[in-house]
């Protein structure tokens, strides 16, 4: 279970262990990393009263999808069609949206989404903007694509015991974080460049070539950050093409009883938000080590009912 920054796709924290423990339980171990200036995105797998309440106590805001069987009473109807409600003890704003996405190959996806957020000011945070913003949650999937497919290249972890697997996992996450940091530094050296324009594959290949070079030369001065940064800049991807898609947001009133349900649908498309550099975030710490002082690789299509494990 990881907490990932959108835009840079840098890791803010990670925990792992036996699959007998559920996702929400693992996610609870990452809540201490949240701050009041953060907006947390998650899928419907984290729709739970206790979890929502725990996130709220950190001071962070959230925007998450609700399960189709979740019933939310409409307490106050707002100007953009959303409405104020309550989940457990948490006061939220509920947004119902009908999403239609047409891909460049002509494939069309349509579905209903119900989102809940603690951003209750409808004039400052319009419903249509939040529906678009929710798509940024898929930055998390791009991070996992880099971990599973680019770095690992389909290979499995070699260790056959828990201690060895844990060591391999922290090594893998450390390498990923180091490459992401270099990628963002390279992007920031060109004003106005979005870190999304940097290809993770290029960064990984540049780092691998540096390791091979250092191993082949007996006496050498290797500057991996500089070389990797130059390779990244030379391989910057062109500006992202606008997807051929239409988004229709319908704010449907709840049923006469004040309750409503929705069915699962595909992920909408949205522009990238402004993100911060991962250099401002604490690095991932191995629990057995002393803490230190202080892509674009697009994954294949996935179903909307994804998880972050």
C-alpha atoms as a PDB file:
ATOM      1  CA  UNK A   1       0.000   0.000   0.000  1.00  0.00           C
ATOM      2  CA  UNK A   2       1.495   3.316  -1.051  1.00  0.00           C
ATOM      3  CA  UNK A   3       0.706   6.999  -0.823  1.00  0.00           C
ATOM      4  CA  UNK A   4       1.687   8.636  -4.133  1.00  0.00           C
ATOM      5  CA  UNK A   5       1.859  12.290  -5.120  1.00  0.00           C
ATOM      6  CA  UNK A   6      -0.032  13.058  -8.317  1.00  0.00           C
ATOM      7  CA  UNK A   7       1.885  14.799 -11.078  1.00  0.00           C
ATOM      8  CA  UNK A   8       5.371  13.791  -9.928  1.00  0.00           C
ATOM      9  CA  UNK A   9       4.244  10.261  -8.933  1.00  0.00           C
ATOM     10  CA  UNK A  10       6.720  10.369  -6.065  1.00  0.00           C
ATOM     11  CA  UNK A  11       6.196   8.043  -3.131  1.00  0.00           C
ATOM     12  CA  UNK A  12       5.232   9.676   0.146  1.00  0.00           C
ATOM     13  CA  UNK A  13       5.118   6.408   2.037  1.00  0.00           C
ATOM     14  CA  UNK A  14       4.713   2.656   1.720  1.00  0.00           C
ATOM     15  CA  UNK A  15       3.739  -0.319   3.869  1.00  0.00           C
ATOM     16  CA  UNK A  16       3.377  -3.979   2.978  1.00  0.00           C
ATOM     17  CA  UNK A  17       2.799  -7.357   4.552  1.00  0.00           C
ATOM     18  CA  UNK A  18       0.601 -10.469   4.415  1.00  0.00           C
ATOM     19  CA  UNK A  19      -2.517 -10.379   2.260  1.00  0.00           C
ATOM     20  CA  UNK A  20      -4.588 -11.551   5.205  1.00  0.00           C
ATOM     21  CA  UNK A  21      -4.757  -7.898   6.266  1.00  0.00           C
ATOM     22  CA  UNK A  22      -7.085  -5.656   4.292  1.00  0.00           C
ATOM     23  CA  UNK A  23      -6.337  -2.568   2.214  1.00  0.00           C
ATOM     24  CA  UNK A  24      -8.009  -0.137   4.573  1.00  0.00           C
ATOM     25  CA  UNK A  25      -5.954  -1.440   7.476  1.00  0.00           C
ATOM     26  CA  UNK A  26      -2.698  -0.914   5.572  1.00  0.00           C
ATOM     27  CA  UNK A  27      -3.833   2.519   4.395  1.00  0.00           C
ATOM     28  CA  UNK A  28      -4.429   3.489   8.007  1.00  0.00           C
ATOM     29  CA  UNK A  29      -0.689   3.126   8.635  1.00  0.00           C
ATOM     30  CA  UNK A  30      -0.017   5.901   6.125  1.00  0.00           C
ATOM     31  CA  UNK A  31      -2.377   8.487   7.597  1.00  0.00           C
ATOM     32  CA  UNK A  32       0.366  10.067   9.725  1.00  0.00           C
ATOM     33  CA  UNK A  33       1.893  11.338   6.446  1.00  0.00           C
ATOM     34  CA  UNK A  34      -1.152  13.456   5.599  1.00  0.00           C
ATOM     35  CA  UNK A  35      -1.144  17.219   6.147  1.00  0.00           C
ATOM     36  CA  UNK A  36      -3.867  19.879   6.132  1.00  0.00           C
ATOM     37  CA  UNK A  37      -2.674  21.189   2.733  1.00  0.00           C
ATOM     38  CA  UNK A  38      -3.305  17.828   1.013  1.00  0.00           C
ATOM     39  CA  UNK A  39      -6.269  16.536  -0.983  1.00  0.00           C
ATOM     40  CA  UNK A  40      -6.422  12.733  -0.853  1.00  0.00           C
ATOM     41  CA  UNK A  41      -7.968  10.756  -3.739  1.00  0.00           C
ATOM     42  CA  UNK A  42      -9.059   7.135  -3.463  1.00  0.00           C
ATOM     43  CA  UNK A  43     -11.303   4.594  -5.142  1.00  0.00           C
ATOM     44  CA  UNK A  44     -14.480   3.047  -3.779  1.00  0.00           C
ATOM     45  CA  UNK A  45     -12.552   0.289  -1.993  1.00  0.00           C
ATOM     46  CA  UNK A  46     -11.868   2.766   0.816  1.00  0.00           C
ATOM     47  CA  UNK A  47     -15.476   3.780   1.329  1.00  0.00           C
ATOM     48  CA  UNK A  48     -15.834   3.167   5.062  1.00  0.00           C
ATOM     49  CA  UNK A  49     -17.164   5.357   7.867  1.00  0.00           C
ATOM     50  CA  UNK A  50     -14.227   4.717  10.192  1.00  0.00           C
ATOM     51  CA  UNK A  51     -11.619   5.331   7.479  1.00  0.00           C
ATOM     52  CA  UNK A  52     -13.241   8.584   6.337  1.00  0.00           C
ATOM     53  CA  UNK A  53     -13.348   9.772   9.919  1.00  0.00           C
ATOM     54  CA  UNK A  54      -9.676   8.872  10.465  1.00  0.00           C
ATOM     55  CA  UNK A  55      -8.617  10.824   7.368  1.00  0.00           C
ATOM     56  CA  UNK A  56     -10.619  13.841   8.495  1.00  0.00           C
ATOM     57  CA  UNK A  57      -8.836  13.938  11.851  1.00  0.00           C
ATOM     58  CA  UNK A  58      -5.507  14.517  10.049  1.00  0.00           C
ATOM     59  CA  UNK A  59      -6.774  17.834   8.697  1.00  0.00           C
ATOM     60  CA  UNK A  60      -6.401  16.695   5.069  1.00  0.00           C
ATOM     61  CA  UNK A  61      -9.280  17.030   2.613  1.00  0.00           C
ATOM     62  CA  UNK A  62     -10.471  14.069   0.540  1.00  0.00           C
ATOM     63  CA  UNK A  63     -12.231  13.330  -2.736  1.00  0.00           C
ATOM     64  CA  UNK A  64     -13.216   9.692  -3.053  1.00  0.00           C
ATOM     65  CA  UNK A  65     -15.656   7.475  -4.854  1.00  0.00           C
ATOM     66  CA  UNK A  66     -18.539   5.874  -2.967  1.00  0.00           C
ATOM     67  CA  UNK A  67     -19.822   2.340  -3.402  1.00  0.00           C
ATOM     68  CA  UNK A  68     -22.950   1.837  -5.467  1.00  0.00           C
ATOM     69  CA  UNK A  69     -24.904   0.631  -2.421  1.00  0.00           C
ATOM     70  CA  UNK A  70     -23.961   3.630  -0.274  1.00  0.00           C
ATOM     71  CA  UNK A  71     -27.040   5.681   0.634  1.00  0.00           C
ATOM     72  CA  UNK A  72     -26.439   9.367   1.371  1.00  0.00           C
ATOM     73  CA  UNK A  73     -29.326  11.611   2.498  1.00  0.00           C
ATOM     74  CA  UNK A  74     -29.572  14.961   0.696  1.00  0.00           C
ATOM     75  CA  UNK A  75     -29.550  17.572   3.455  1.00  0.00           C
ATOM     76  CA  UNK A  76     -28.951  20.725   1.405  1.00  0.00           C
ATOM     77  CA  UNK A  77     -29.027  21.115  -2.379  1.00  0.00           C
ATOM     78  CA  UNK A  78     -26.220  23.345  -3.739  1.00  0.00           C
ATOM     79  CA  UNK A  79     -26.035  25.590  -6.806  1.00  0.00           C
ATOM     80  CA  UNK A  80     -24.072  23.123  -8.982  1.00  0.00           C
ATOM     81  CA  UNK A  81     -26.423  20.196  -8.371  1.00  0.00           C
ATOM     82  CA  UNK A  82     -24.323  18.572  -5.656  1.00  0.00           C
ATOM     83  CA  UNK A  83     -25.686  18.316  -2.136  1.00  0.00           C
ATOM     84  CA  UNK A  84     -24.506  18.278   1.447  1.00  0.00           C
ATOM     85  CA  UNK A  85     -24.797  15.028   3.356  1.00  0.00           C
ATOM     86  CA  UNK A  86     -23.233  13.151   6.229  1.00  0.00           C
ATOM     87  CA  UNK A  87     -21.333   9.850   6.327  1.00  0.00           C
ATOM     88  CA  UNK A  88     -20.990   8.569   9.867  1.00  0.00           C
ATOM     89  CA  UNK A  89     -19.882  11.685  11.724  1.00  0.00           C
ATOM     90  CA  UNK A  90     -18.227  13.351   8.711  1.00  0.00           C
ATOM     91  CA  UNK A  91     -20.005  16.190   6.920  1.00  0.00           C
ATOM     92  CA  UNK A  92     -19.479  15.731   3.179  1.00  0.00           C
ATOM     93  CA  UNK A  93     -20.620  17.009  -0.181  1.00  0.00           C
ATOM     94  CA  UNK A  94     -21.897  14.408  -2.658  1.00  0.00           C
ATOM     95  CA  UNK A  95     -21.532  14.742  -6.419  1.00  0.00           C
ATOM     96  CA  UNK A  96     -23.432  12.495  -8.838  1.00  0.00           C
ATOM     97  CA  UNK A  97     -22.035  12.430 -12.359  1.00  0.00           C
ATOM     98  CA  UNK A  98     -22.781  10.599 -15.575  1.00  0.00           C
ATOM     99  CA  UNK A  99     -19.475  10.100 -17.394  1.00  0.00           C
ATOM    100  CA  UNK A 100     -19.032   9.415 -21.099  1.00  0.00           C
ATOM    101  CA  UNK A 101     -15.516   8.939 -22.471  1.00  0.00           C
ATOM    102  CA  UNK A 102     -14.721   8.374 -26.143  1.00  0.00           C
ATOM    103  CA  UNK A 103     -11.184   7.082 -26.734  1.00  0.00           C
ATOM    104  CA  UNK A 104      -9.087   7.832 -29.792  1.00  0.00           C
ATOM    105  CA  UNK A 105      -9.811   4.364 -31.170  1.00  0.00           C
ATOM    106  CA  UNK A 106     -13.539   5.025 -31.014  1.00  0.00           C
ATOM    107  CA  UNK A 107     -14.222   2.935 -27.911  1.00  0.00           C
ATOM    108  CA  UNK A 108     -16.907   4.516 -25.743  1.00  0.00           C
ATOM    109  CA  UNK A 109     -17.314   4.053 -22.013  1.00  0.00           C
ATOM    110  CA  UNK A 110     -20.274   5.357 -20.038  1.00  0.00           C
ATOM    111  CA  UNK A 111     -21.073   5.044 -16.376  1.00  0.00           C
ATOM    112  CA  UNK A 112     -22.325   6.714 -13.221  1.00  0.00           C
ATOM    113  CA  UNK A 113     -20.026   8.003 -10.505  1.00  0.00           C
ATOM    114  CA  UNK A 114     -20.845   9.163  -7.015  1.00  0.00           C
ATOM    115  CA  UNK A 115     -18.083  11.129  -5.313  1.00  0.00           C
ATOM    116  CA  UNK A 116     -17.861  12.404  -1.746  1.00  0.00           C
ATOM    117  CA  UNK A 117     -15.611  15.243  -0.670  1.00  0.00           C
ATOM    118  CA  UNK A 118     -14.951  17.448   2.323  1.00  0.00           C
ATOM    119  CA  UNK A 119     -14.623  20.415  -0.080  1.00  0.00           C
ATOM    120  CA  UNK A 120     -18.132  21.658   0.661  1.00  0.00           C
ATOM    121  CA  UNK A 121     -17.901  25.105  -0.990  1.00  0.00           C
ATOM    122  CA  UNK A 122     -19.651  24.578  -4.331  1.00  0.00           C
ATOM    123  CA  UNK A 123     -18.747  28.027  -5.662  1.00  0.00           C
ATOM    124  CA  UNK A 124     -15.045  27.655  -4.937  1.00  0.00           C
ATOM    125  CA  UNK A 125     -14.896  23.987  -5.966  1.00  0.00           C
ATOM    126  CA  UNK A 126     -17.521  23.386  -8.710  1.00  0.00           C
ATOM    127  CA  UNK A 127     -18.734  19.832  -9.197  1.00  0.00           C
ATOM    128  CA  UNK A 128     -17.536  19.602 -12.805  1.00  0.00           C
ATOM    129  CA  UNK A 129     -13.992  20.583 -11.756  1.00  0.00           C
ATOM    130  CA  UNK A 130     -13.888  17.945  -9.028  1.00  0.00           C
ATOM    131  CA  UNK A 131     -15.185  15.251 -11.390  1.00  0.00           C
ATOM    132  CA  UNK A 132     -12.320  16.052 -13.767  1.00  0.00           C
ATOM    133  CA  UNK A 133      -9.824  16.213 -10.919  1.00  0.00           C
ATOM    134  CA  UNK A 134     -10.766  12.746  -9.699  1.00  0.00           C
ATOM    135  CA  UNK A 135      -9.199  11.285 -12.838  1.00  0.00           C
ATOM    136  CA  UNK A 136      -5.770  12.229 -11.439  1.00  0.00           C
ATOM    137  CA  UNK A 137      -6.104   9.234  -9.136  1.00  0.00           C
ATOM    138  CA  UNK A 138      -4.867   7.189 -12.097  1.00  0.00           C
ATOM    139  CA  UNK A 139      -1.417   8.742 -11.633  1.00  0.00           C
ATOM    140  CA  UNK A 140      -1.146   6.066  -8.948  1.00  0.00           C
ATOM    141  CA  UNK A 141      -1.615   3.333 -11.521  1.00  0.00           C
ATOM    142  CA  UNK A 142       1.143   4.855 -13.679  1.00  0.00           C
ATOM    143  CA  UNK A 143       3.477   4.687 -10.673  1.00  0.00           C
ATOM    144  CA  UNK A 144       2.716   0.990 -10.226  1.00  0.00           C
ATOM    145  CA  UNK A 145       3.215   0.392 -13.916  1.00  0.00           C
ATOM    146  CA  UNK A 146       6.761   1.764 -13.603  1.00  0.00           C
ATOM    147  CA  UNK A 147       7.426  -0.441 -10.583  1.00  0.00           C
ATOM    148  CA  UNK A 148       5.974  -3.668 -11.967  1.00  0.00           C
ATOM    149  CA  UNK A 149       6.775  -3.470 -15.655  1.00  0.00           C
ATOM    150  CA  UNK A 150       9.633  -1.009 -16.227  1.00  0.00           C
ATOM    151  CA  UNK A 151      11.917  -1.783 -13.287  1.00  0.00           C
ATOM    152  CA  UNK A 152      10.937  -5.420 -12.742  1.00  0.00           C
ATOM    153  CA  UNK A 153      10.290  -6.113 -16.444  1.00  0.00           C
ATOM    154  CA  UNK A 154       7.910  -8.908 -15.527  1.00  0.00           C
ATOM    155  CA  UNK A 155      10.342 -10.588 -13.119  1.00  0.00           C
ATOM    156  CA  UNK A 156       9.317 -11.842  -9.706  1.00  0.00           C
ATOM    157  CA  UNK A 157      11.072 -11.133  -6.434  1.00  0.00           C
ATOM    158  CA  UNK A 158      13.856 -13.676  -5.958  1.00  0.00           C
ATOM    159  CA  UNK A 159      13.789 -14.106  -2.187  1.00  0.00           C
ATOM    160  CA  UNK A 160      12.006 -17.077  -0.705  1.00  0.00           C
ATOM    161  CA  UNK A 161      11.664 -15.783   2.861  1.00  0.00           C
ATOM    162  CA  UNK A 162       9.867 -12.770   4.394  1.00  0.00           C
ATOM    163  CA  UNK A 163      13.064 -10.966   5.439  1.00  0.00           C
ATOM    164  CA  UNK A 164      14.568 -11.240   1.968  1.00  0.00           C
ATOM    165  CA  UNK A 165      11.341 -10.114   0.309  1.00  0.00           C
ATOM    166  CA  UNK A 166      11.165  -7.121   2.619  1.00  0.00           C
ATOM    167  CA  UNK A 167      14.740  -6.174   1.733  1.00  0.00           C
ATOM    168  CA  UNK A 168      13.998  -6.451  -1.989  1.00  0.00           C
ATOM    169  CA  UNK A 169      10.842  -4.376  -1.648  1.00  0.00           C
ATOM    170  CA  UNK A 170      12.615  -1.492   0.087  1.00  0.00           C
ATOM    171  CA  UNK A 171      15.411  -1.619  -2.491  1.00  0.00           C
ATOM    172  CA  UNK A 172      12.882  -1.484  -5.316  1.00  0.00           C
ATOM    173  CA  UNK A 173      10.991   1.443  -3.777  1.00  0.00           C
ATOM    174  CA  UNK A 174      14.233   3.301  -3.035  1.00  0.00           C
ATOM    175  CA  UNK A 175      15.371   2.979  -6.654  1.00  0.00           C
ATOM    176  CA  UNK A 176      11.992   4.155  -7.879  1.00  0.00           C
ATOM    177  CA  UNK A 177      12.030   7.174  -5.553  1.00  0.00           C
ATOM    178  CA  UNK A 178      15.573   8.140  -6.552  1.00  0.00           C
ATOM    179  CA  UNK A 179      14.687   8.037 -10.254  1.00  0.00           C
ATOM    180  CA  UNK A 180      11.520  10.064  -9.718  1.00  0.00           C
ATOM    181  CA  UNK A 181      13.522  12.702  -7.836  1.00  0.00           C
ATOM    182  CA  UNK A 182      16.025  13.014 -10.686  1.00  0.00           C
ATOM    183  CA  UNK A 183      13.202  13.174 -13.226  1.00  0.00           C
ATOM    184  CA  UNK A 184      11.509  16.051 -11.423  1.00  0.00           C
ATOM    185  CA  UNK A 185      14.812  17.900 -10.998  1.00  0.00           C
ATOM    186  CA  UNK A 186      15.398  17.539 -14.738  1.00  0.00           C
ATOM    187  CA  UNK A 187      11.904  18.784 -15.557  1.00  0.00           C
ATOM    188  CA  UNK A 188      12.242  21.783 -13.242  1.00  0.00           C
ATOM    189  CA  UNK A 189      15.438  22.841 -15.013  1.00  0.00           C
ATOM    190  CA  UNK A 190      13.229  23.729 -17.993  1.00  0.00           C
ATOM    191  CA  UNK A 191      10.645  26.249 -16.756  1.00  0.00           C
ATOM    192  CA  UNK A 192       7.084  25.246 -17.451  1.00  0.00           C
ATOM    193  CA  UNK A 193       7.867  21.563 -18.034  1.00  0.00           C
ATOM    194  CA  UNK A 194       5.423  19.131 -16.443  1.00  0.00           C
ATOM    195  CA  UNK A 195       7.134  16.141 -14.775  1.00  0.00           C
ATOM    196  CA  UNK A 196       4.594  13.989 -16.623  1.00  0.00           C
ATOM    197  CA  UNK A 197       6.515  14.748 -19.802  1.00  0.00           C
ATOM    198  CA  UNK A 198       9.502  12.737 -18.538  1.00  0.00           C
ATOM    199  CA  UNK A 199       9.598   9.078 -19.512  1.00  0.00           C
ATOM    200  CA  UNK A 200      10.369   6.713 -16.654  1.00  0.00           C
ATOM    201  CA  UNK A 201      11.822   4.161 -19.076  1.00  0.00           C
ATOM    202  CA  UNK A 202      14.440   6.678 -20.241  1.00  0.00           C
ATOM    203  CA  UNK A 203      15.441   7.488 -16.661  1.00  0.00           C
ATOM    204  CA  UNK A 204      15.705   3.810 -15.760  1.00  0.00           C
ATOM    205  CA  UNK A 205      17.823   2.977 -18.812  1.00  0.00           C
ATOM    206  CA  UNK A 206      20.145   5.928 -18.122  1.00  0.00           C
ATOM    207  CA  UNK A 207      20.647   4.782 -14.520  1.00  0.00           C
ATOM    208  CA  UNK A 208      21.297   1.215 -15.656  1.00  0.00           C
ATOM    209  CA  UNK A 209      23.902   2.384 -18.187  1.00  0.00           C
ATOM    210  CA  UNK A 210      25.670   4.352 -15.453  1.00  0.00           C
ATOM    211  CA  UNK A 211      25.854   1.277 -13.225  1.00  0.00           C
ATOM    212  CA  UNK A 212      27.300  -0.782 -16.082  1.00  0.00           C
ATOM    213  CA  UNK A 213      29.810   1.949 -16.878  1.00  0.00           C
ATOM    214  CA  UNK A 214      30.950   2.164 -13.269  1.00  0.00           C
ATOM    215  CA  UNK A 215      31.380  -1.616 -13.121  1.00  0.00           C
ATOM    216  CA  UNK A 216      33.406  -1.783 -16.361  1.00  0.00           C
ATOM    217  CA  UNK A 217      35.809   1.064 -15.602  1.00  0.00           C
ATOM    218  CA  UNK A 218      38.299   0.612 -12.787  1.00  0.00           C
ATOM    219  CA  UNK A 219      38.958   4.298 -12.188  1.00  0.00           C
ATOM    220  CA  UNK A 220      36.173   6.639 -13.175  1.00  0.00           C
ATOM    221  CA  UNK A 221      34.191   9.590 -11.940  1.00  0.00           C
ATOM    222  CA  UNK A 222      30.524   8.897 -12.444  1.00  0.00           C
ATOM    223  CA  UNK A 223      27.938  11.636 -12.160  1.00  0.00           C
ATOM    224  CA  UNK A 224      24.674   9.694 -12.422  1.00  0.00           C
ATOM    225  CA  UNK A 225      22.371  12.574 -11.563  1.00  0.00           C
ATOM    226  CA  UNK A 226      23.827  14.833 -14.246  1.00  0.00           C
ATOM    227  CA  UNK A 227      23.913  12.162 -16.923  1.00  0.00           C
ATOM    228  CA  UNK A 228      20.486  10.807 -16.116  1.00  0.00           C
ATOM    229  CA  UNK A 229      19.087  14.337 -16.080  1.00  0.00           C
ATOM    230  CA  UNK A 230      20.545  15.034 -19.538  1.00  0.00           C
ATOM    231  CA  UNK A 231      19.164  11.766 -20.881  1.00  0.00           C
ATOM    232  CA  UNK A 232      15.759  12.601 -19.468  1.00  0.00           C
ATOM    233  CA  UNK A 233      15.755  16.066 -21.038  1.00  0.00           C
ATOM    234  CA  UNK A 234      16.836  14.675 -24.392  1.00  0.00           C
ATOM    235  CA  UNK A 235      13.959  12.220 -24.297  1.00  0.00           C
ATOM    236  CA  UNK A 236      11.201  14.544 -23.137  1.00  0.00           C
ATOM    237  CA  UNK A 237       7.898  13.413 -24.504  1.00  0.00           C
ATOM    238  CA  UNK A 238       5.900  15.841 -26.660  1.00  0.00           C
ATOM    239  CA  UNK A 239       3.003  17.664 -25.012  1.00  0.00           C
ATOM    240  CA  UNK A 240       0.185  15.311 -24.128  1.00  0.00           C
ATOM    241  CA  UNK A 241      -2.402  15.055 -26.896  1.00  0.00           C
ATOM    242  CA  UNK A 242      -5.891  15.991 -25.924  1.00  0.00           C
ATOM    243  CA  UNK A 243      -8.068  12.940 -25.715  1.00  0.00           C
ATOM    244  CA  UNK A 244     -11.002  12.799 -28.069  1.00  0.00           C
ATOM    245  CA  UNK A 245     -13.622  12.582 -25.389  1.00  0.00           C
ATOM    246  CA  UNK A 246     -16.821  14.128 -24.189  1.00  0.00           C
ATOM    247  CA  UNK A 247     -17.789  14.529 -20.591  1.00  0.00           C
ATOM    248  CA  UNK A 248     -21.406  15.009 -19.655  1.00  0.00           C
ATOM    249  CA  UNK A 249     -22.076  15.779 -16.020  1.00  0.00           C
ATOM    250  CA  UNK A 250     -25.635  15.280 -14.932  1.00  0.00           C
ATOM    251  CA  UNK A 251     -26.717  16.205 -11.432  1.00  0.00           C
ATOM    252  CA  UNK A 252     -29.658  13.944 -10.798  1.00  0.00           C
ATOM    253  CA  UNK A 253     -31.851  14.625  -7.770  1.00  0.00           C
ATOM    254  CA  UNK A 254     -32.006  11.856  -5.193  1.00  0.00           C
ATOM    255  CA  UNK A 255     -35.009   9.601  -4.828  1.00  0.00           C
ATOM    256  CA  UNK A 256     -38.084  10.879  -3.027  1.00  0.00           C
ATOM    257  CA  UNK A 257     -36.846   9.308   0.170  1.00  0.00           C
ATOM    258  CA  UNK A 258     -33.629  11.305   0.018  1.00  0.00           C
ATOM    259  CA  UNK A 259     -31.541   8.270  -0.928  1.00  0.00           C
ATOM    260  CA  UNK A 260     -29.920   7.328  -4.220  1.00  0.00           C
ATOM    261  CA  UNK A 261     -27.573   4.739  -5.626  1.00  0.00           C
ATOM    262  CA  UNK A 262     -25.246   4.577  -8.612  1.00  0.00           C
ATOM    263  CA  UNK A 263     -23.585   1.897 -10.687  1.00  0.00           C
ATOM    264  CA  UNK A 264     -19.883   1.578 -11.305  1.00  0.00           C
ATOM    265  CA  UNK A 265     -18.481   3.184 -14.430  1.00  0.00           C
ATOM    266  CA  UNK A 266     -15.141   3.806 -16.167  1.00  0.00           C
ATOM    267  CA  UNK A 267     -12.626   6.449 -15.203  1.00  0.00           C
ATOM    268  CA  UNK A 268     -13.158   9.957 -16.648  1.00  0.00           C
ATOM    269  CA  UNK A 269     -10.436  11.976 -18.350  1.00  0.00           C
ATOM    270  CA  UNK A 270      -9.055  15.162 -16.851  1.00  0.00           C
ATOM    271  CA  UNK A 271      -6.212  17.682 -17.064  1.00  0.00           C
ATOM    272  CA  UNK A 272      -3.183  17.394 -14.785  1.00  0.00           C
ATOM    273  CA  UNK A 273      -3.231  19.515 -11.623  1.00  0.00           C
ATOM    274  CA  UNK A 274      -0.333  21.539 -10.367  1.00  0.00           C
ATOM    275  CA  UNK A 275       1.849  19.370  -8.166  1.00  0.00           C
ATOM    276  CA  UNK A 276       4.811  19.913  -5.936  1.00  0.00           C
ATOM    277  CA  UNK A 277       8.311  18.531  -6.207  1.00  0.00           C
ATOM    278  CA  UNK A 278       8.970  15.302  -4.333  1.00  0.00           C
ATOM    279  CA  UNK A 279      12.077  16.913  -2.890  1.00  0.00           C
ATOM    280  CA  UNK A 280       9.769  18.599  -0.374  1.00  0.00           C
ATOM    281  CA  UNK A 281       8.437  15.251   0.765  1.00  0.00           C
ATOM    282  CA  UNK A 282      10.120  12.936   3.248  1.00  0.00           C
ATOM    283  CA  UNK A 283      11.773   9.879   1.702  1.00  0.00           C
ATOM    284  CA  UNK A 284      10.513   6.397   2.320  1.00  0.00           C
ATOM    285  CA  UNK A 285      12.146   4.923   5.409  1.00  0.00           C
ATOM    286  CA  UNK A 286      12.896   1.279   5.942  1.00  0.00           C
ATOM    287  CA  UNK A 287      11.593   0.406   9.434  1.00  0.00           C
ATOM    288  CA  UNK A 288      14.761  -1.597  10.125  1.00  0.00           C
ATOM    289  CA  UNK A 289      17.211   1.129   9.149  1.00  0.00           C
ATOM    290  CA  UNK A 290      18.139   4.471  10.615  1.00  0.00           C
ATOM    291  CA  UNK A 291      16.098   7.233   8.913  1.00  0.00           C
ATOM    292  CA  UNK A 292      18.146   9.645   6.773  1.00  0.00           C
ATOM    293  CA  UNK A 293      18.532  13.276   7.967  1.00  0.00           C
ATOM    294  CA  UNK A 294      16.246  15.230   6.576  1.00  0.00           C
ATOM    295  CA  UNK A 295       6.744   7.212 -17.385  1.00  0.00           C
ATOM    296  CA  UNK A 296       5.367   8.927 -18.739  1.00  0.00           C
ATOM    297  CA  UNK A 297       4.733   5.209 -19.159  1.00  0.00           C
ATOM    298  CA  UNK A 298       1.010   4.780 -19.590  1.00  0.00           C
ATOM    299  CA  UNK A 299      -0.376   1.539 -18.163  1.00  0.00           C
ATOM    300  CA  UNK A 300      -2.743  -0.628 -20.145  1.00  0.00           C
ATOM    301  CA  UNK A 301      -6.482  -0.008 -19.672  1.00  0.00           C
ATOM    302  CA  UNK A 302      -7.787  -1.197 -16.334  1.00  0.00           C
ATOM    303  CA  UNK A 303     -11.210  -1.622 -14.909  1.00  0.00           C
ATOM    304  CA  UNK A 304     -12.763   1.119 -12.841  1.00  0.00           C
ATOM    305  CA  UNK A 305     -12.978  -1.135  -9.782  1.00  0.00           C
ATOM    306  CA  UNK A 306      -9.229  -1.023  -9.265  1.00  0.00           C
ATOM    307  CA  UNK A 307      -7.299  -1.103  -6.006  1.00  0.00           C
ATOM    308  CA  UNK A 308      -4.081   0.422  -4.827  1.00  0.00           C
ATOM    309  CA  UNK A 309      -2.504  -2.655  -3.267  1.00  0.00           C
END
